């Protein structure tokens, strides 16, 4: 299984960013790190190994990038204005820089991307599909926290509202964007063990369902904690189901 790494200075982020890719062919899967993780976090925590069958079968190509927004969010100066601005910049980076890189790497300028993530990475996965359904077709969200204001100091800003699906979807007008989003799929899965908060998934499902956006909540048992062993079991299962 091949691995390639790229690094460049992003004007949108105002810093260097790293992107890694594993595999040679298949459906592109953008797997966001947890919290303030980097592009190789998923390899260190053995998620790449957990997906080795799908990679060796050329069913997926796996991508990951530095979580620059998470690094700000969990930093020392995480006031809501700064953190929300960092999230907006990260969203622009993903859509304007990372999506074109993935499409170029796949030699298909219109290929649709699967996105996935755990914890804060689940928020990024959900946000990517909800904000850009023209590029992302499926989100697999594991053990998610879906409103990041709980990690910030201060009140919600306009940018926070615009970045957060549970806030902007209820007010989204009918139109092309919402129509496209209704052709996408959101999978929300969580355990019931330590550090899990199942209500997070159900709150998102209620918002999505009210707007007619296809979604599915899958609840695992009390032995499944908010931790990598859980996510290493979950992600291969749902990718195997949805990626043909």
C-alpha atoms as a PDB file:
ATOM      1  CA  UNK A   1       0.000   0.000   0.000  1.00  0.00           C
ATOM      2  CA  UNK A   2       1.470   3.311  -1.055  1.00  0.00           C
ATOM      3  CA  UNK A   3       1.661   6.474   1.018  1.00  0.00           C
ATOM      4  CA  UNK A   4       2.330   9.991  -0.196  1.00  0.00           C
ATOM      5  CA  UNK A   5       2.665  13.246   1.744  1.00  0.00           C
ATOM      6  CA  UNK A   6       2.287  16.829   0.569  1.00  0.00           C
ATOM      7  CA  UNK A   7       3.063  20.109   2.299  1.00  0.00           C
ATOM      8  CA  UNK A   8       2.416  23.659   1.171  1.00  0.00           C
ATOM      9  CA  UNK A   9       1.789  27.107   2.524  1.00  0.00           C
ATOM     10  CA  UNK A  10      -1.912  27.925   2.480  1.00  0.00           C
ATOM     11  CA  UNK A  11      -2.776  31.602   2.160  1.00  0.00           C
ATOM     12  CA  UNK A  12      -6.261  30.784   3.438  1.00  0.00           C
ATOM     13  CA  UNK A  13      -4.892  29.251   6.626  1.00  0.00           C
ATOM     14  CA  UNK A  14      -1.869  31.497   6.987  1.00  0.00           C
ATOM     15  CA  UNK A  15       0.391  28.517   7.710  1.00  0.00           C
ATOM     16  CA  UNK A  16       1.931  25.385   6.236  1.00  0.00           C
ATOM     17  CA  UNK A  17      -0.382  22.411   6.061  1.00  0.00           C
ATOM     18  CA  UNK A  18       0.295  18.697   5.606  1.00  0.00           C
ATOM     19  CA  UNK A  19      -1.849  16.234   3.680  1.00  0.00           C
ATOM     20  CA  UNK A  20      -1.313  12.470   3.508  1.00  0.00           C
ATOM     21  CA  UNK A  21      -2.767   9.909   1.143  1.00  0.00           C
ATOM     22  CA  UNK A  22      -2.792   6.114   1.472  1.00  0.00           C
ATOM     23  CA  UNK A  23      -3.755   3.764  -1.343  1.00  0.00           C
ATOM     24  CA  UNK A  24      -3.712   3.943  -5.131  1.00  0.00           C
ATOM     25  CA  UNK A  25      -7.269   3.571  -6.429  1.00  0.00           C
ATOM     26  CA  UNK A  26     -10.855   3.647  -5.245  1.00  0.00           C
ATOM     27  CA  UNK A  27     -13.409   6.030  -3.795  1.00  0.00           C
ATOM     28  CA  UNK A  28     -11.702   9.011  -2.135  1.00  0.00           C
ATOM     29  CA  UNK A  29     -12.294   9.145   1.627  1.00  0.00           C
ATOM     30  CA  UNK A  30     -11.289  12.270   3.538  1.00  0.00           C
ATOM     31  CA  UNK A  31     -10.812  11.285   7.177  1.00  0.00           C
ATOM     32  CA  UNK A  32     -10.537  14.274   9.503  1.00  0.00           C
ATOM     33  CA  UNK A  33      -8.359  13.986  12.634  1.00  0.00           C
ATOM     34  CA  UNK A  34      -9.776  14.217  16.125  1.00  0.00           C
ATOM     35  CA  UNK A  35      -9.436  17.492  18.041  1.00  0.00           C
ATOM     36  CA  UNK A  36      -6.065  19.083  17.196  1.00  0.00           C
ATOM     37  CA  UNK A  37      -4.599  16.077  15.415  1.00  0.00           C
ATOM     38  CA  UNK A  38      -2.289  16.172  12.413  1.00  0.00           C
ATOM     39  CA  UNK A  39      -2.447  14.459   9.042  1.00  0.00           C
ATOM     40  CA  UNK A  40      -0.740  11.298  10.310  1.00  0.00           C
ATOM     41  CA  UNK A  41      -2.787  10.853  13.484  1.00  0.00           C
ATOM     42  CA  UNK A  42      -4.935   8.189  11.833  1.00  0.00           C
ATOM     43  CA  UNK A  43      -1.823   6.160  11.052  1.00  0.00           C
ATOM     44  CA  UNK A  44      -0.388   6.419  14.579  1.00  0.00           C
ATOM     45  CA  UNK A  45      -3.704   5.288  16.062  1.00  0.00           C
ATOM     46  CA  UNK A  46      -3.865   2.325  13.666  1.00  0.00           C
ATOM     47  CA  UNK A  47      -6.908   3.464  11.692  1.00  0.00           C
ATOM     48  CA  UNK A  48      -4.994   3.011   8.444  1.00  0.00           C
ATOM     49  CA  UNK A  49      -4.284  -0.582   9.498  1.00  0.00           C
ATOM     50  CA  UNK A  50      -7.977  -1.075  10.305  1.00  0.00           C
ATOM     51  CA  UNK A  51      -8.823   0.015   6.756  1.00  0.00           C
ATOM     52  CA  UNK A  52      -6.087  -2.090   5.133  1.00  0.00           C
ATOM     53  CA  UNK A  53      -8.501  -4.535   3.489  1.00  0.00           C
ATOM     54  CA  UNK A  54     -10.473  -1.774   1.792  1.00  0.00           C
ATOM     55  CA  UNK A  55      -7.225  -0.107   0.729  1.00  0.00           C
ATOM     56  CA  UNK A  56      -5.643  -3.300  -0.630  1.00  0.00           C
ATOM     57  CA  UNK A  57      -8.855  -4.099  -2.529  1.00  0.00           C
ATOM     58  CA  UNK A  58      -8.603  -0.655  -4.164  1.00  0.00           C
ATOM     59  CA  UNK A  59     -12.064   0.255  -2.922  1.00  0.00           C
ATOM     60  CA  UNK A  60     -10.867   3.441  -1.190  1.00  0.00           C
ATOM     61  CA  UNK A  61      -8.089   6.001  -1.325  1.00  0.00           C
ATOM     62  CA  UNK A  62      -7.620   7.555   2.092  1.00  0.00           C
ATOM     63  CA  UNK A  63      -6.716  11.196   2.719  1.00  0.00           C
ATOM     64  CA  UNK A  64      -6.139  13.179   5.902  1.00  0.00           C
ATOM     65  CA  UNK A  65      -4.934  16.687   6.720  1.00  0.00           C
ATOM     66  CA  UNK A  66      -3.788  18.731   9.693  1.00  0.00           C
ATOM     67  CA  UNK A  67      -6.675  19.905  11.877  1.00  0.00           C
ATOM     68  CA  UNK A  68      -5.685  23.563  11.919  1.00  0.00           C
ATOM     69  CA  UNK A  69      -9.084  24.689  13.205  1.00  0.00           C
ATOM     70  CA  UNK A  70      -8.870  22.167  16.050  1.00  0.00           C
ATOM     71  CA  UNK A  71      -5.420  23.422  16.960  1.00  0.00           C
ATOM     72  CA  UNK A  72      -6.858  26.912  17.451  1.00  0.00           C
ATOM     73  CA  UNK A  73     -10.000  25.658  19.172  1.00  0.00           C
ATOM     74  CA  UNK A  74      -8.034  23.737  21.788  1.00  0.00           C
ATOM     75  CA  UNK A  75      -5.255  26.323  22.117  1.00  0.00           C
ATOM     76  CA  UNK A  76      -4.724  28.862  24.842  1.00  0.00           C
ATOM     77  CA  UNK A  77      -6.566  31.682  23.054  1.00  0.00           C
ATOM     78  CA  UNK A  78      -9.792  30.019  22.009  1.00  0.00           C
ATOM     79  CA  UNK A  79     -12.226  32.920  22.204  1.00  0.00           C
ATOM     80  CA  UNK A  80     -15.278  32.349  20.029  1.00  0.00           C
ATOM     81  CA  UNK A  81     -14.364  35.004  17.454  1.00  0.00           C
ATOM     82  CA  UNK A  82     -10.854  33.605  16.879  1.00  0.00           C
ATOM     83  CA  UNK A  83     -11.955  29.962  16.896  1.00  0.00           C
ATOM     84  CA  UNK A  84     -14.884  30.608  14.549  1.00  0.00           C
ATOM     85  CA  UNK A  85     -12.636  32.481  12.148  1.00  0.00           C
ATOM     86  CA  UNK A  86     -10.183  29.552  12.179  1.00  0.00           C
ATOM     87  CA  UNK A  87     -13.048  27.167  11.380  1.00  0.00           C
ATOM     88  CA  UNK A  88     -14.164  29.324   8.454  1.00  0.00           C
ATOM     89  CA  UNK A  89     -10.603  29.418   7.133  1.00  0.00           C
ATOM     90  CA  UNK A  90     -10.309  25.643   7.493  1.00  0.00           C
ATOM     91  CA  UNK A  91     -13.576  25.129   5.610  1.00  0.00           C
ATOM     92  CA  UNK A  92     -12.305  27.329   2.788  1.00  0.00           C
ATOM     93  CA  UNK A  93      -9.025  25.389   2.708  1.00  0.00           C
ATOM     94  CA  UNK A  94     -10.858  22.061   2.501  1.00  0.00           C
ATOM     95  CA  UNK A  95     -13.159  23.176  -0.306  1.00  0.00           C
ATOM     96  CA  UNK A  96     -10.818  25.406  -2.303  1.00  0.00           C
ATOM     97  CA  UNK A  97      -7.513  23.568  -1.875  1.00  0.00           C
ATOM     98  CA  UNK A  98      -7.996  20.027  -0.596  1.00  0.00           C
ATOM     99  CA  UNK A  99     -10.963  19.025  -2.762  1.00  0.00           C
ATOM    100  CA  UNK A 100      -9.145  20.093  -5.966  1.00  0.00           C
ATOM    101  CA  UNK A 101      -6.022  18.207  -4.818  1.00  0.00           C
ATOM    102  CA  UNK A 102      -8.067  15.033  -4.229  1.00  0.00           C
ATOM    103  CA  UNK A 103      -9.868  15.333  -7.548  1.00  0.00           C
ATOM    104  CA  UNK A 104      -6.610  15.911  -9.376  1.00  0.00           C
ATOM    105  CA  UNK A 105      -5.033  12.931  -7.615  1.00  0.00           C
ATOM    106  CA  UNK A 106      -8.015  10.786  -8.637  1.00  0.00           C
ATOM    107  CA  UNK A 107      -7.819  12.175 -12.214  1.00  0.00           C
ATOM    108  CA  UNK A 108     -11.525  13.046 -12.096  1.00  0.00           C
ATOM    109  CA  UNK A 109     -12.495  16.737 -11.817  1.00  0.00           C
ATOM    110  CA  UNK A 110     -16.015  15.895 -10.642  1.00  0.00           C
ATOM    111  CA  UNK A 111     -15.484  12.877  -8.382  1.00  0.00           C
ATOM    112  CA  UNK A 112     -17.566  12.940  -5.203  1.00  0.00           C
ATOM    113  CA  UNK A 113     -15.764  12.423  -1.916  1.00  0.00           C
ATOM    114  CA  UNK A 114     -16.732  10.467   1.199  1.00  0.00           C
ATOM    115  CA  UNK A 115     -15.853  12.177   4.447  1.00  0.00           C
ATOM    116  CA  UNK A 116     -15.511  10.727   7.930  1.00  0.00           C
ATOM    117  CA  UNK A 117     -14.244  11.565  11.380  1.00  0.00           C
ATOM    118  CA  UNK A 118     -14.559  10.934  15.108  1.00  0.00           C
ATOM    119  CA  UNK A 119     -15.202  13.376  17.944  1.00  0.00           C
ATOM    120  CA  UNK A 120     -14.438  16.871  16.582  1.00  0.00           C
ATOM    121  CA  UNK A 121     -13.541  15.141  13.320  1.00  0.00           C
ATOM    122  CA  UNK A 122     -17.188  14.054  13.147  1.00  0.00           C
ATOM    123  CA  UNK A 123     -18.215  17.716  13.256  1.00  0.00           C
ATOM    124  CA  UNK A 124     -15.823  18.471  10.387  1.00  0.00           C
ATOM    125  CA  UNK A 125     -17.236  15.577   8.394  1.00  0.00           C
ATOM    126  CA  UNK A 126     -20.831  16.707   8.903  1.00  0.00           C
ATOM    127  CA  UNK A 127     -19.960  20.329   8.143  1.00  0.00           C
ATOM    128  CA  UNK A 128     -18.150  19.401   4.922  1.00  0.00           C
ATOM    129  CA  UNK A 129     -21.189  17.622   3.481  1.00  0.00           C
ATOM    130  CA  UNK A 130     -23.727  20.170   4.696  1.00  0.00           C
ATOM    131  CA  UNK A 131     -21.756  23.160   3.414  1.00  0.00           C
ATOM    132  CA  UNK A 132     -20.505  21.551   0.197  1.00  0.00           C
ATOM    133  CA  UNK A 133     -22.871  18.820  -1.042  1.00  0.00           C
ATOM    134  CA  UNK A 134     -21.553  19.402  -4.549  1.00  0.00           C
ATOM    135  CA  UNK A 135     -18.216  17.867  -3.491  1.00  0.00           C
ATOM    136  CA  UNK A 136     -19.069  15.458  -0.648  1.00  0.00           C
ATOM    137  CA  UNK A 137     -21.640  12.682  -0.925  1.00  0.00           C
ATOM    138  CA  UNK A 138     -21.497  10.848   2.410  1.00  0.00           C
ATOM    139  CA  UNK A 139     -20.453  11.635   5.976  1.00  0.00           C
ATOM    140  CA  UNK A 140     -19.661   8.918   8.497  1.00  0.00           C
ATOM    141  CA  UNK A 141     -19.711  10.743  11.831  1.00  0.00           C
ATOM    142  CA  UNK A 142     -18.505   8.792  14.870  1.00  0.00           C
ATOM    143  CA  UNK A 143     -18.991   9.872  18.493  1.00  0.00           C
ATOM    144  CA  UNK A 144     -19.465  13.434  17.403  1.00  0.00           C
ATOM    145  CA  UNK A 145     -19.620  16.786  19.108  1.00  0.00           C
ATOM    146  CA  UNK A 146     -21.637  18.913  16.700  1.00  0.00           C
ATOM    147  CA  UNK A 147     -21.594  22.395  18.203  1.00  0.00           C
ATOM    148  CA  UNK A 148     -18.086  23.506  19.105  1.00  0.00           C
ATOM    149  CA  UNK A 149     -19.172  26.513  21.149  1.00  0.00           C
ATOM    150  CA  UNK A 150     -18.770  24.331  24.262  1.00  0.00           C
ATOM    151  CA  UNK A 151     -14.999  24.504  23.706  1.00  0.00           C
ATOM    152  CA  UNK A 152     -14.906  28.262  23.162  1.00  0.00           C
ATOM    153  CA  UNK A 153     -14.877  31.281  25.406  1.00  0.00           C
ATOM    154  CA  UNK A 154     -17.549  33.840  24.569  1.00  0.00           C
ATOM    155  CA  UNK A 155     -20.834  34.016  22.695  1.00  0.00           C
ATOM    156  CA  UNK A 156     -21.693  32.509  19.336  1.00  0.00           C
ATOM    157  CA  UNK A 157     -20.639  34.725  16.442  1.00  0.00           C
ATOM    158  CA  UNK A 158     -22.091  35.035  12.956  1.00  0.00           C
ATOM    159  CA  UNK A 159     -19.251  32.919  11.597  1.00  0.00           C
ATOM    160  CA  UNK A 160     -19.961  30.233  14.192  1.00  0.00           C
ATOM    161  CA  UNK A 161     -23.567  30.143  13.021  1.00  0.00           C
ATOM    162  CA  UNK A 162     -22.462  29.857   9.392  1.00  0.00           C
ATOM    163  CA  UNK A 163     -19.998  27.054  10.225  1.00  0.00           C
ATOM    164  CA  UNK A 164     -22.369  24.917  12.319  1.00  0.00           C
ATOM    165  CA  UNK A 165     -24.946  22.721  10.543  1.00  0.00           C
ATOM    166  CA  UNK A 166     -27.259  22.419  13.560  1.00  0.00           C
ATOM    167  CA  UNK A 167     -27.494  26.229  13.570  1.00  0.00           C
ATOM    168  CA  UNK A 168     -27.727  27.116   9.870  1.00  0.00           C
ATOM    169  CA  UNK A 169     -29.778  24.200   8.528  1.00  0.00           C
ATOM    170  CA  UNK A 170     -33.081  25.102  10.253  1.00  0.00           C
ATOM    171  CA  UNK A 171     -33.020  28.505   8.508  1.00  0.00           C
ATOM    172  CA  UNK A 172     -31.684  27.389   5.127  1.00  0.00           C
ATOM    173  CA  UNK A 173     -34.078  28.482   2.375  1.00  0.00           C
ATOM    174  CA  UNK A 174     -35.394  26.094  -0.229  1.00  0.00           C
ATOM    175  CA  UNK A 175     -33.171  26.059  -3.284  1.00  0.00           C
ATOM    176  CA  UNK A 176     -30.408  24.273  -5.159  1.00  0.00           C
ATOM    177  CA  UNK A 177     -28.154  23.796  -2.126  1.00  0.00           C
ATOM    178  CA  UNK A 178     -30.814  22.151   0.029  1.00  0.00           C
ATOM    179  CA  UNK A 179     -32.061  20.086  -2.897  1.00  0.00           C
ATOM    180  CA  UNK A 180     -28.553  18.726  -3.467  1.00  0.00           C
ATOM    181  CA  UNK A 181     -28.108  18.066   0.244  1.00  0.00           C
ATOM    182  CA  UNK A 182     -31.243  15.912   0.160  1.00  0.00           C
ATOM    183  CA  UNK A 183     -29.408  13.540  -2.195  1.00  0.00           C
ATOM    184  CA  UNK A 184     -26.535  13.051   0.276  1.00  0.00           C
ATOM    185  CA  UNK A 185     -26.311  10.646   3.249  1.00  0.00           C
ATOM    186  CA  UNK A 186     -25.261  11.252   6.859  1.00  0.00           C
ATOM    187  CA  UNK A 187     -24.400   8.337   9.173  1.00  0.00           C
ATOM    188  CA  UNK A 188     -24.285   9.220  12.881  1.00  0.00           C
ATOM    189  CA  UNK A 189     -22.865   6.488  15.079  1.00  0.00           C
ATOM    190  CA  UNK A 190     -21.788   6.385  18.708  1.00  0.00           C
ATOM    191  CA  UNK A 191     -21.210   4.059  21.624  1.00  0.00           C
ATOM    192  CA  UNK A 192     -22.809   4.224  25.056  1.00  0.00           C
ATOM    193  CA  UNK A 193     -19.620   3.725  27.062  1.00  0.00           C
ATOM    194  CA  UNK A 194     -17.233   6.114  28.789  1.00  0.00           C
ATOM    195  CA  UNK A 195     -17.078   9.711  27.552  1.00  0.00           C
ATOM    196  CA  UNK A 196     -19.822   9.162  24.980  1.00  0.00           C
ATOM    197  CA  UNK A 197     -22.826  11.495  24.653  1.00  0.00           C
ATOM    198  CA  UNK A 198     -25.509   9.808  22.519  1.00  0.00           C
ATOM    199  CA  UNK A 199     -27.766  12.859  22.622  1.00  0.00           C
ATOM    200  CA  UNK A 200     -25.364  14.624  20.269  1.00  0.00           C
ATOM    201  CA  UNK A 201     -26.224  12.242  17.437  1.00  0.00           C
ATOM    202  CA  UNK A 202     -29.975  12.430  18.008  1.00  0.00           C
ATOM    203  CA  UNK A 203     -29.982  16.235  18.062  1.00  0.00           C
ATOM    204  CA  UNK A 204     -28.276  16.292  14.668  1.00  0.00           C
ATOM    205  CA  UNK A 205     -30.623  13.631  13.306  1.00  0.00           C
ATOM    206  CA  UNK A 206     -33.628  15.697  14.332  1.00  0.00           C
ATOM    207  CA  UNK A 207     -32.272  18.776  12.559  1.00  0.00           C
ATOM    208  CA  UNK A 208     -31.440  16.799   9.411  1.00  0.00           C
ATOM    209  CA  UNK A 209     -34.751  14.960   9.405  1.00  0.00           C
ATOM    210  CA  UNK A 210     -36.733  18.165   9.741  1.00  0.00           C
ATOM    211  CA  UNK A 211     -35.156  19.385   6.484  1.00  0.00           C
ATOM    212  CA  UNK A 212     -35.584  16.083   4.653  1.00  0.00           C
ATOM    213  CA  UNK A 213     -31.862  15.238   4.614  1.00  0.00           C
ATOM    214  CA  UNK A 214     -31.241  11.460   4.655  1.00  0.00           C
ATOM    215  CA  UNK A 215     -29.591  10.304   7.852  1.00  0.00           C
ATOM    216  CA  UNK A 216     -29.159   7.235   9.998  1.00  0.00           C
ATOM    217  CA  UNK A 217     -28.305   6.929  13.689  1.00  0.00           C
ATOM    218  CA  UNK A 218     -26.564   3.733  14.810  1.00  0.00           C
ATOM    219  CA  UNK A 219     -26.090   3.223  18.533  1.00  0.00           C
ATOM    220  CA  UNK A 220     -23.496   0.766  19.806  1.00  0.00           C
ATOM    221  CA  UNK A 221     -23.491  -0.694  23.311  1.00  0.00           C
ATOM    222  CA  UNK A 222     -22.058   0.299  26.658  1.00  0.00           C
ATOM    223  CA  UNK A 223     -18.773  -1.513  26.024  1.00  0.00           C
ATOM    224  CA  UNK A 224     -17.927   0.968  23.250  1.00  0.00           C
ATOM    225  CA  UNK A 225     -16.146   4.037  24.616  1.00  0.00           C
ATOM    226  CA  UNK A 226     -15.235   7.391  23.088  1.00  0.00           C
ATOM    227  CA  UNK A 227     -11.879   6.089  21.922  1.00  0.00           C
ATOM    228  CA  UNK A 228      -9.923   4.737  18.980  1.00  0.00           C
ATOM    229  CA  UNK A 229     -10.723   1.024  19.484  1.00  0.00           C
ATOM    230  CA  UNK A 230     -14.405   1.901  18.946  1.00  0.00           C
ATOM    231  CA  UNK A 231     -13.749   3.972  15.841  1.00  0.00           C
ATOM    232  CA  UNK A 232     -11.441   1.332  14.359  1.00  0.00           C
ATOM    233  CA  UNK A 233     -14.394  -1.078  14.506  1.00  0.00           C
ATOM    234  CA  UNK A 234     -16.977   1.394  13.241  1.00  0.00           C
ATOM    235  CA  UNK A 235     -15.369   2.974  10.207  1.00  0.00           C
ATOM    236  CA  UNK A 236     -14.408  -0.164   8.236  1.00  0.00           C
ATOM    237  CA  UNK A 237     -17.922  -1.519   8.803  1.00  0.00           C
ATOM    238  CA  UNK A 238     -19.729   1.501   7.380  1.00  0.00           C
ATOM    239  CA  UNK A 239     -17.278   2.112   4.563  1.00  0.00           C
ATOM    240  CA  UNK A 240     -17.708  -1.523   3.539  1.00  0.00           C
ATOM    241  CA  UNK A 241     -21.469  -0.998   3.513  1.00  0.00           C
ATOM    242  CA  UNK A 242     -21.575   2.275   1.592  1.00  0.00           C
ATOM    243  CA  UNK A 243     -18.538   2.144  -0.705  1.00  0.00           C
ATOM    244  CA  UNK A 244     -19.005  -0.379  -3.468  1.00  0.00           C
END
